[in-house]
Amino acid sequence: AERAELVQEYRDMGLTEETAQRVADEISANPEIA
């Protein structure tokens, strides 16, 4: 759910769905960065 929130926030910033998914995946892989 937190990852989905992040994806939506990046989409709201203007990123494409694919880019938002990739950025959220990379961020979510590290708990401290997330």
Full PDB file with SEQRES, HELIX, SHEET, SSBOND, CRYST1, ORIGX, SCALE, CONECT and MASTER records, all heavy atoms in Angstrom:
SEQRES   1 A   34  ALA GLU ARG ALA GLU LEU VAL GLN GLU TYR ARG ASP MET          
SEQRES   2 A   34  GLY LEU THR GLU GLU THR ALA GLN ARG VAL ALA ASP GLU          
SEQRES   3 A   34  ILE SER ALA ASN PRO GLU ILE ALA                              
HELIX    1 AA1 GLU A    2  ASP A   12  1                                  11    
HELIX    2 AA2 GLU A   17  SER A   28  1                                  12    
CRYST1    1.000    1.000    1.000  90.00  90.00  90.00 P 1           1          
ORIGX1      1.000000  0.000000  0.000000        0.00000                         
ORIGX2      0.000000  1.000000  0.000000        0.00000                         
ORIGX3      0.000000  0.000000  1.000000        0.00000                         
SCALE1      1.000000  0.000000  0.000000        0.00000                         
SCALE2      0.000000  1.000000  0.000000        0.00000                         
SCALE3      0.000000  0.000000  1.000000        0.00000                         
ATOM      1  N   ALA A   1       0.828  -1.206   0.000  1.00  0.00           N  
ATOM      2  CA  ALA A   1       0.000   0.000   0.000  1.00  0.00           C  
ATOM      3  C   ALA A   1       0.867   1.262   0.000  1.00  0.00           C  
ATOM      4  O   ALA A   1       0.571   2.241  -0.696  1.00  0.00           O  
ATOM      5  CB  ALA A   1      -0.929  -0.001   1.209  1.00  0.00           C  
ATOM      6  N   GLU A   2       1.949   1.242   0.780  1.00  0.00           N  
ATOM      7  CA  GLU A   2       2.857   2.393   0.824  1.00  0.00           C  
ATOM      8  C   GLU A   2       3.542   2.585  -0.528  1.00  0.00           C  
ATOM      9  O   GLU A   2       3.717   3.716  -0.980  1.00  0.00           O  
ATOM     10  CB  GLU A   2       3.898   2.192   1.924  1.00  0.00           C  
ATOM     11  CG  GLU A   2       3.344   2.282   3.338  1.00  0.00           C  
ATOM     12  CD  GLU A   2       2.919   3.691   3.703  1.00  0.00           C  
ATOM     13  OE1 GLU A   2       3.519   4.658   3.192  1.00  0.00           O  
ATOM     14  OE2 GLU A   2       1.976   3.842   4.495  1.00  0.00           O  
ATOM     15  N   ARG A   3       3.900   1.479  -1.162  1.00  0.00           N  
ATOM     16  CA  ARG A   3       4.518   1.575  -2.484  1.00  0.00           C  
ATOM     17  C   ARG A   3       3.527   2.155  -3.477  1.00  0.00           C  
ATOM     18  O   ARG A   3       3.884   2.986  -4.335  1.00  0.00           O  
ATOM     19  CB  ARG A   3       4.991   0.197  -2.938  1.00  0.00           C  
ATOM     20  CG  ARG A   3       5.607   0.178  -4.328  1.00  0.00           C  
ATOM     21  CD  ARG A   3       5.859  -1.246  -4.804  1.00  0.00           C  
ATOM     22  NE  ARG A   3       6.205  -1.256  -6.215  1.00  0.00           N  
ATOM     23  CZ  ARG A   3       5.327  -1.107  -7.203  1.00  0.00           C  
ATOM     24  NH1 ARG A   3       4.043  -0.936  -6.930  1.00  0.00           N  
ATOM     25  NH2 ARG A   3       5.727  -1.126  -8.465  1.00  0.00           N  
ATOM     26  N   ALA A   4       2.280   1.735  -3.399  1.00  0.00           N  
ATOM     27  CA  ALA A   4       1.248   2.251  -4.308  1.00  0.00           C  
ATOM     28  C   ALA A   4       1.059   3.754  -4.108  1.00  0.00           C  
ATOM     29  O   ALA A   4       0.856   4.503  -5.075  1.00  0.00           O  
ATOM     30  CB  ALA A   4      -0.068   1.515  -4.077  1.00  0.00           C  
ATOM     31  N   GLU A   5       1.133   4.216  -2.846  1.00  0.00           N  
ATOM     32  CA  GLU A   5       1.043   5.647  -2.572  1.00  0.00           C  
ATOM     33  C   GLU A   5       2.177   6.398  -3.255  1.00  0.00           C  
ATOM     34  O   GLU A   5       1.976   7.482  -3.821  1.00  0.00           O  
ATOM     35  CB  GLU A   5       1.102   5.893  -1.061  1.00  0.00           C  
ATOM     36  CG  GLU A   5      -0.167   5.553  -0.312  1.00  0.00           C  
ATOM     37  CD  GLU A   5      -0.050   5.892   1.161  1.00  0.00           C  
ATOM     38  OE1 GLU A   5       1.002   6.453   1.554  1.00  0.00           O  
ATOM     39  OE2 GLU A   5      -0.993   5.597   1.911  1.00  0.00           O  
ATOM     40  N   LEU A   6       3.367   5.810  -3.181  1.00  0.00           N  
ATOM     41  CA  LEU A   6       4.533   6.445  -3.779  1.00  0.00           C  
ATOM     42  C   LEU A   6       4.383   6.524  -5.293  1.00  0.00           C  
ATOM     43  O   LEU A   6       4.691   7.550  -5.912  1.00  0.00           O  
ATOM     44  CB  LEU A   6       5.795   5.665  -3.402  1.00  0.00           C  
ATOM     45  CG  LEU A   6       7.126   6.414  -3.441  1.00  0.00           C  
ATOM     46  CD1 LEU A   6       7.080   7.628  -2.541  1.00  0.00           C  
ATOM     47  CD2 LEU A   6       8.256   5.485  -3.041  1.00  0.00           C  
ATOM     48  N   VAL A   7       3.896   5.444  -5.895  1.00  0.00           N  
ATOM     49  CA  VAL A   7       3.674   5.441  -7.343  1.00  0.00           C  
ATOM     50  C   VAL A   7       2.703   6.554  -7.725  1.00  0.00           C  
ATOM     51  O   VAL A   7       2.924   7.308  -8.687  1.00  0.00           O  
ATOM     52  CB  VAL A   7       3.134   4.073  -7.812  1.00  0.00           C  
ATOM     53  CG1 VAL A   7       2.682   4.144  -9.270  1.00  0.00           C  
ATOM     54  CG2 VAL A   7       4.205   2.993  -7.650  1.00  0.00           C  
ATOM     55  N   GLN A   8       1.623   6.685  -6.974  1.00  0.00           N  
ATOM     56  CA  GLN A   8       0.626   7.698  -7.285  1.00  0.00           C  
ATOM     57  C   GLN A   8       1.188   9.110  -7.123  1.00  0.00           C  
ATOM     58  O   GLN A   8       0.897  10.006  -7.931  1.00  0.00           O  
ATOM     59  CB  GLN A   8      -0.604   7.528  -6.379  1.00  0.00           C  
ATOM     60  CG  GLN A   8      -1.755   8.450  -6.729  1.00  0.00           C  
ATOM     61  CD  GLN A   8      -2.232   8.249  -8.153  1.00  0.00           C  
ATOM     62  OE1 GLN A   8      -2.482   7.123  -8.585  1.00  0.00           O  
ATOM     63  NE2 GLN A   8      -2.348   9.340  -8.903  1.00  0.00           N  
ATOM     64  N   GLU A   9       2.007   9.307  -6.117  1.00  0.00           N  
ATOM     65  CA  GLU A   9       2.612  10.623  -5.912  1.00  0.00           C  
ATOM     66  C   GLU A   9       3.513  10.994  -7.080  1.00  0.00           C  
ATOM     67  O   GLU A   9       3.518  12.152  -7.537  1.00  0.00           O  
ATOM     68  CB  GLU A   9       3.389  10.639  -4.599  1.00  0.00           C  
ATOM     69  CG  GLU A   9       2.502  10.655  -3.364  1.00  0.00           C  
ATOM     70  CD  GLU A   9       3.275  10.429  -2.087  1.00  0.00           C  
ATOM     71  OE1 GLU A   9       4.513  10.263  -2.177  1.00  0.00           O  
ATOM     72  OE2 GLU A   9       2.652  10.417  -1.013  1.00  0.00           O  
ATOM     73  N   TYR A  10       4.284  10.025  -7.569  1.00  0.00           N  
ATOM     74  CA  TYR A  10       5.152  10.310  -8.702  1.00  0.00           C  
ATOM     75  C   TYR A  10       4.348  10.521  -9.980  1.00  0.00           C  
ATOM     76  O   TYR A  10       4.719  11.336 -10.831  1.00  0.00           O  
ATOM     77  CB  TYR A  10       6.185   9.198  -8.875  1.00  0.00           C  
ATOM     78  CG  TYR A  10       7.288   9.251  -7.854  1.00  0.00           C  
ATOM     79  CD1 TYR A  10       7.623   8.144  -7.082  1.00  0.00           C  
ATOM     80  CD2 TYR A  10       8.014  10.419  -7.653  1.00  0.00           C  
ATOM     81  CE1 TYR A  10       8.627   8.200  -6.134  1.00  0.00           C  
ATOM     82  CE2 TYR A  10       9.020  10.488  -6.706  1.00  0.00           C  
ATOM     83  CZ  TYR A  10       9.317   9.381  -5.955  1.00  0.00           C  
ATOM     84  OH  TYR A  10      10.312   9.456  -5.009  1.00  0.00           O  
ATOM     85  N   ARG A  11       3.250   9.822 -10.121  1.00  0.00           N  
ATOM     86  CA  ARG A  11       2.379  10.055 -11.272  1.00  0.00           C  
ATOM     87  C   ARG A  11       1.778  11.451 -11.202  1.00  0.00           C  
ATOM     88  O   ARG A  11       1.653  12.141 -12.233  1.00  0.00           O  
ATOM     89  CB  ARG A  11       1.272   9.001 -11.310  1.00  0.00           C  
ATOM     90  CG  ARG A  11       1.757   7.600 -11.692  1.00  0.00           C  
ATOM     91  CD  ARG A  11       0.584   6.649 -11.829  1.00  0.00           C  
ATOM     92  NE  ARG A  11      -0.322   7.090 -12.904  1.00  0.00           N  
ATOM     93  CZ  ARG A  11      -1.523   6.557 -13.133  1.00  0.00           C  
ATOM     94  NH1 ARG A  11      -1.975   5.586 -12.341  1.00  0.00           N  
ATOM     95  NH2 ARG A  11      -2.272   6.992 -14.119  1.00  0.00           N  
ATOM     96  N   ASP A  12       1.410  11.883 -10.000  1.00  0.00           N  
ATOM     97  CA  ASP A  12       0.862  13.228  -9.829  1.00  0.00           C  
ATOM     98  C   ASP A  12       1.894  14.300 -10.155  1.00  0.00           C  
ATOM     99  O   ASP A  12       1.535  15.428 -10.524  1.00  0.00           O  
ATOM    100  CB  ASP A  12       0.359  13.425  -8.403  1.00  0.00           C  
ATOM    101  CG  ASP A  12      -0.855  12.563  -8.082  1.00  0.00           C  
ATOM    102  OD1 ASP A  12      -1.515  12.099  -9.042  1.00  0.00           O  
ATOM    103  OD2 ASP A  12      -1.133  12.346  -6.874  1.00  0.00           O  
ATOM    104  N   MET A  13       3.168  13.949 -10.005  1.00  0.00           N  
ATOM    105  CA  MET A  13       4.237  14.890 -10.329  1.00  0.00           C  
ATOM    106  C   MET A  13       4.509  14.963 -11.825  1.00  0.00           C  
ATOM    107  O   MET A  13       5.297  15.802 -12.275  1.00  0.00           O  
ATOM    108  CB  MET A  13       5.515  14.488  -9.590  1.00  0.00           C  
ATOM    109  CG  MET A  13       5.425  14.647  -8.079  1.00  0.00           C  
ATOM    110  SD  MET A  13       6.822  13.876  -7.197  1.00  0.00           S  
ATOM    111  CE  MET A  13       8.211  14.789  -7.868  1.00  0.00           C  
ATOM    112  N   GLY A  14       3.896  14.051 -12.591  1.00  0.00           N  
ATOM    113  CA  GLY A  14       4.049  14.091 -14.041  1.00  0.00           C  
ATOM    114  C   GLY A  14       4.835  12.948 -14.644  1.00  0.00           C  
ATOM    115  O   GLY A  14       5.019  12.903 -15.866  1.00  0.00           O  
ATOM    116  N   LEU A  15       5.305  11.993 -13.828  1.00  0.00           N  
ATOM    117  CA  LEU A  15       6.042  10.851 -14.361  1.00  0.00           C  
ATOM    118  C   LEU A  15       5.072   9.872 -15.012  1.00  0.00           C  
ATOM    119  O   LEU A  15       3.905   9.788 -14.623  1.00  0.00           O  
ATOM    120  CB  LEU A  15       6.817  10.137 -13.250  1.00  0.00           C  
ATOM    121  CG  LEU A  15       8.216  10.678 -12.909  1.00  0.00           C  
ATOM    122  CD1 LEU A  15       8.132  12.091 -12.353  1.00  0.00           C  
ATOM    123  CD2 LEU A  15       8.926   9.760 -11.921  1.00  0.00           C  
ATOM    124  N   THR A  16       5.563   9.130 -15.974  1.00  0.00           N  
ATOM    125  CA  THR A  16       4.737   8.102 -16.598  1.00  0.00           C  
ATOM    126  C   THR A  16       4.530   6.942 -15.631  1.00  0.00           C  
ATOM    127  O   THR A  16       5.270   6.802 -14.644  1.00  0.00           O  
ATOM    128  CB  THR A  16       5.394   7.576 -17.879  1.00  0.00           C  
ATOM    129  OG1 THR A  16       6.637   6.921 -17.528  1.00  0.00           O  
ATOM    130  CG2 THR A  16       5.681   8.702 -18.863  1.00  0.00           C  
ATOM    131  N   GLU A  17       3.543   6.117 -15.904  1.00  0.00           N  
ATOM    132  CA  GLU A  17       3.264   4.975 -15.030  1.00  0.00           C  
ATOM    133  C   GLU A  17       4.478   4.071 -14.913  1.00  0.00           C  
ATOM    134  O   GLU A  17       4.844   3.634 -13.812  1.00  0.00           O  
ATOM    135  CB  GLU A  17       2.078   4.193 -15.585  1.00  0.00           C  
ATOM    136  CG  GLU A  17       1.742   2.918 -14.831  1.00  0.00           C  
ATOM    137  CD  GLU A  17       1.163   3.189 -13.453  1.00  0.00           C  
ATOM    138  OE1 GLU A  17       0.569   4.270 -13.270  1.00  0.00           O  
ATOM    139  OE2 GLU A  17       1.313   2.330 -12.561  1.00  0.00           O  
ATOM    140  N   GLU A  18       5.121   3.795 -16.041  1.00  0.00           N  
ATOM    141  CA  GLU A  18       6.274   2.891 -16.036  1.00  0.00           C  
ATOM    142  C   GLU A  18       7.426   3.472 -15.207  1.00  0.00           C  
ATOM    143  O   GLU A  18       8.037   2.769 -14.384  1.00  0.00           O  
ATOM    144  CB  GLU A  18       6.753   2.642 -17.457  1.00  0.00           C  
ATOM    145  CG  GLU A  18       7.957   1.696 -17.534  1.00  0.00           C  
ATOM    146  CD  GLU A  18       8.439   1.504 -18.963  1.00  0.00           C  
ATOM    147  OE1 GLU A  18       7.844   2.081 -19.900  1.00  0.00           O  
ATOM    148  OE2 GLU A  18       9.435   0.770 -19.144  1.00  0.00           O  
ATOM    149  N   THR A  19       7.717   4.749 -15.406  1.00  0.00           N  
ATOM    150  CA  THR A  19       8.804   5.383 -14.656  1.00  0.00           C  
ATOM    151  C   THR A  19       8.489   5.451 -13.175  1.00  0.00           C  
ATOM    152  O   THR A  19       9.345   5.196 -12.320  1.00  0.00           O  
ATOM    153  CB  THR A  19       9.075   6.790 -15.200  1.00  0.00           C  
ATOM    154  OG1 THR A  19       9.396   6.712 -16.595  1.00  0.00           O  
ATOM    155  CG2 THR A  19      10.236   7.450 -14.457  1.00  0.00           C  
ATOM    156  N   ALA A  20       7.239   5.808 -12.847  1.00  0.00           N  
ATOM    157  CA  ALA A  20       6.825   5.879 -11.446  1.00  0.00           C  
ATOM    158  C   ALA A  20       6.964   4.518 -10.766  1.00  0.00           C  
ATOM    159  O   ALA A  20       7.405   4.429  -9.614  1.00  0.00           O  
ATOM    160  CB  ALA A  20       5.386   6.379 -11.355  1.00  0.00           C  
ATOM    161  N   GLN A  21       6.601   3.453 -11.476  1.00  0.00           N  
ATOM    162  CA  GLN A  21       6.713   2.100 -10.928  1.00  0.00           C  
ATOM    163  C   GLN A  21       8.171   1.751 -10.665  1.00  0.00           C  
ATOM    164  O   GLN A  21       8.511   1.197  -9.602  1.00  0.00           O  
ATOM    165  CB  GLN A  21       6.097   1.082 -11.901  1.00  0.00           C  
ATOM    166  CG  GLN A  21       4.597   1.185 -12.078  1.00  0.00           C  
ATOM    167  CD  GLN A  21       3.827   0.456 -10.990  1.00  0.00           C  
ATOM    168  OE1 GLN A  21       4.416  -0.128 -10.088  1.00  0.00           O  
ATOM    169  NE2 GLN A  21       2.506   0.514 -11.071  1.00  0.00           N  
ATOM    170  N   ARG A  22       9.032   2.072 -11.609  1.00  0.00           N  
ATOM    171  CA  ARG A  22      10.447   1.731 -11.469  1.00  0.00           C  
ATOM    172  C   ARG A  22      11.084   2.511 -10.324  1.00  0.00           C  
ATOM    173  O   ARG A  22      11.868   1.952  -9.539  1.00  0.00           O  
ATOM    174  CB  ARG A  22      11.184   2.016 -12.776  1.00  0.00           C  
ATOM    175  CG  ARG A  22      10.815   1.071 -13.925  1.00  0.00           C  
ATOM    176  CD  ARG A  22      11.507   1.464 -15.208  1.00  0.00           C  
ATOM    177  NE  ARG A  22      12.963   1.435 -15.059  1.00  0.00           N  
ATOM    178  CZ  ARG A  22      13.797   1.891 -15.993  1.00  0.00           C  
ATOM    179  NH1 ARG A  22      13.325   2.408 -17.119  1.00  0.00           N  
ATOM    180  NH2 ARG A  22      15.104   1.818 -15.788  1.00  0.00           N  
ATOM    181  N   VAL A  23      10.770   3.799 -10.221  1.00  0.00           N  
ATOM    182  CA  VAL A  23      11.329   4.609  -9.133  1.00  0.00           C  
ATOM    183  C   VAL A  23      10.840   4.093  -7.783  1.00  0.00           C  
ATOM    184  O   VAL A  23      11.621   3.951  -6.830  1.00  0.00           O  
ATOM    185  CB  VAL A  23      10.948   6.091  -9.317  1.00  0.00           C  
ATOM    186  CG1 VAL A  23      11.377   6.901  -8.097  1.00  0.00           C  
ATOM    187  CG2 VAL A  23      11.600   6.658 -10.570  1.00  0.00           C  
ATOM    188  N   ALA A  24       9.549   3.799  -7.688  1.00  0.00           N  
ATOM    189  CA  ALA A  24       8.982   3.296  -6.431  1.00  0.00           C  
ATOM    190  C   ALA A  24       9.597   1.959  -6.051  1.00  0.00           C  
ATOM    191  O   ALA A  24       9.851   1.690  -4.876  1.00  0.00           O  
ATOM    192  CB  ALA A  24       7.471   3.180  -6.554  1.00  0.00           C  
ATOM    193  N   ASP A  25       9.828   1.098  -7.034  1.00  0.00           N  
ATOM    194  CA  ASP A  25      10.450  -0.201  -6.767  1.00  0.00           C  
ATOM    195  C   ASP A  25      11.849  -0.023  -6.181  1.00  0.00           C  
ATOM    196  O   ASP A  25      12.221  -0.700  -5.208  1.00  0.00           O  
ATOM    197  CB  ASP A  25      10.527  -1.029  -8.051  1.00  0.00           C  
ATOM    198  CG  ASP A  25       9.178  -1.613  -8.445  1.00  0.00           C  
ATOM    199  OD1 ASP A  25       8.284  -1.668  -7.574  1.00  0.00           O  
ATOM    200  OD2 ASP A  25       9.011  -2.009  -9.617  1.00  0.00           O  
ATOM    201  N   GLU A  26      12.626   0.849  -6.793  1.00  0.00           N  
ATOM    202  CA  GLU A  26      14.007   1.036  -6.340  1.00  0.00           C  
ATOM    203  C   GLU A  26      14.041   1.657  -4.942  1.00  0.00           C  
ATOM    204  O   GLU A  26      14.847   1.255  -4.100  1.00  0.00           O  
ATOM    205  CB  GLU A  26      14.770   1.919  -7.332  1.00  0.00           C  
ATOM    206  CG  GLU A  26      16.251   2.027  -7.006  1.00  0.00           C  
ATOM    207  CD  GLU A  26      17.067   2.589  -8.161  1.00  0.00           C  
ATOM    208  OE1 GLU A  26      16.530   2.639  -9.291  1.00  0.00           O  
ATOM    209  OE2 GLU A  26      18.216   2.971  -7.927  1.00  0.00           O  
ATOM    210  N   ILE A  27      13.170   2.618  -4.704  1.00  0.00           N  
ATOM    211  CA  ILE A  27      13.119   3.246  -3.379  1.00  0.00           C  
ATOM    212  C   ILE A  27      12.670   2.252  -2.323  1.00  0.00           C  
ATOM    213  O   ILE A  27      13.243   2.163  -1.230  1.00  0.00           O  
ATOM    214  CB  ILE A  27      12.177   4.462  -3.405  1.00  0.00           C  
ATOM    215  CG1 ILE A  27      12.807   5.589  -4.221  1.00  0.00           C  
ATOM    216  CG2 ILE A  27      11.844   4.939  -1.989  1.00  0.00           C  
ATOM    217  CD1 ILE A  27      11.883   6.768  -4.449  1.00  0.00           C  
ATOM    218  N   SER A  28      11.641   1.467  -2.642  1.00  0.00           N  
ATOM    219  CA  SER A  28      11.070   0.533  -1.673  1.00  0.00           C  
ATOM    220  C   SER A  28      12.006  -0.615  -1.340  1.00  0.00           C  
ATOM    221  O   SER A  28      11.831  -1.298  -0.322  1.00  0.00           O  
ATOM    222  CB  SER A  28       9.747  -0.025  -2.202  1.00  0.00           C  
ATOM    223  OG  SER A  28       8.818   1.021  -2.418  1.00  0.00           O  
ATOM    224  N   ALA A  29      13.019  -0.845  -2.164  1.00  0.00           N  
ATOM    225  CA  ALA A  29      13.955  -1.936  -1.912  1.00  0.00           C  
ATOM    226  C   ALA A  29      14.845  -1.665  -0.710  1.00  0.00           C  
ATOM    227  O   ALA A  29      15.405  -2.593  -0.127  1.00  0.00           O  
ATOM    228  CB  ALA A  29      14.821  -2.184  -3.154  1.00  0.00           C  
ATOM    229  N   ASN A  30      14.991  -0.387  -0.334  1.00  0.00           N  
ATOM    230  CA  ASN A  30      15.821  -0.020   0.813  1.00  0.00           C  
ATOM    231  C   ASN A  30      14.917   0.628   1.871  1.00  0.00           C  
ATOM    232  O   ASN A  30      14.425   1.737   1.671  1.00  0.00           O  
ATOM    233  CB  ASN A  30      16.921   0.952   0.391  1.00  0.00           C  
ATOM    234  CG  ASN A  30      17.915   1.235   1.509  1.00  0.00           C  
ATOM    235  OD1 ASN A  30      17.529   1.506   2.644  1.00  0.00           O  
ATOM    236  ND2 ASN A  30      19.198   1.194   1.181  1.00  0.00           N  
ATOM    237  N   PRO A  31      14.697  -0.027   3.013  1.00  0.00           N  
ATOM    238  CA  PRO A  31      13.757   0.491   4.022  1.00  0.00           C  
ATOM    239  C   PRO A  31      14.098   1.894   4.517  1.00  0.00           C  
ATOM    240  O   PRO A  31      13.199   2.703   4.740  1.00  0.00           O  
ATOM    241  CB  PRO A  31      13.845  -0.535   5.147  1.00  0.00           C  
ATOM    242  CG  PRO A  31      14.310  -1.790   4.485  1.00  0.00           C  
ATOM    243  CD  PRO A  31      15.224  -1.357   3.396  1.00  0.00           C  
ATOM    244  N   GLU A  32      15.382   2.185   4.708  1.00  0.00           N  
ATOM    245  CA  GLU A  32      15.756   3.506   5.228  1.00  0.00           C  
ATOM    246  C   GLU A  32      15.514   4.594   4.196  1.00  0.00           C  
ATOM    247  O   GLU A  32      15.046   5.684   4.515  1.00  0.00           O  
ATOM    248  CB  GLU A  32      17.221   3.497   5.673  1.00  0.00           C  
ATOM    249  CG  GLU A  32      17.467   2.729   6.952  1.00  0.00           C  
ATOM    250  CD  GLU A  32      16.609   3.241   8.100  1.00  0.00           C  
ATOM    251  OE1 GLU A  32      16.535   4.475   8.294  1.00  0.00           O  
ATOM    252  OE2 GLU A  32      15.995   2.413   8.801  1.00  0.00           O  
ATOM    253  N   ILE A  33      15.867   4.303   2.937  1.00  0.00           N  
ATOM    254  CA  ILE A  33      15.586   5.274   1.883  1.00  0.00           C  
ATOM    255  C   ILE A  33      14.080   5.459   1.727  1.00  0.00           C  
ATOM    256  O   ILE A  33      13.582   6.585   1.581  1.00  0.00           O  
ATOM    257  CB  ILE A  33      16.215   4.822   0.545  1.00  0.00           C  
ATOM    258  CG1 ILE A  33      17.737   4.852   0.634  1.00  0.00           C  
ATOM    259  CG2 ILE A  33      15.741   5.714  -0.598  1.00  0.00           C  
ATOM    260  CD1 ILE A  33      18.441   4.368  -0.610  1.00  0.00           C  
ATOM    261  N   ALA A  34      13.349   4.355   1.777  1.00  0.00           N  
ATOM    262  CA  ALA A  34      11.892   4.424   1.649  1.00  0.00           C  
ATOM    263  C   ALA A  34      11.298   5.294   2.756  1.00  0.00           C  
ATOM    264  O   ALA A  34      10.408   6.110   2.513  1.00  0.00           O  
ATOM    265  CB  ALA A  34      11.294   3.021   1.697  1.00  0.00           C  
TER     266      ALA A  34                                                      
MASTER        0    0    0    2    0    0    0    6  265    1    0    3          
END                                                                             
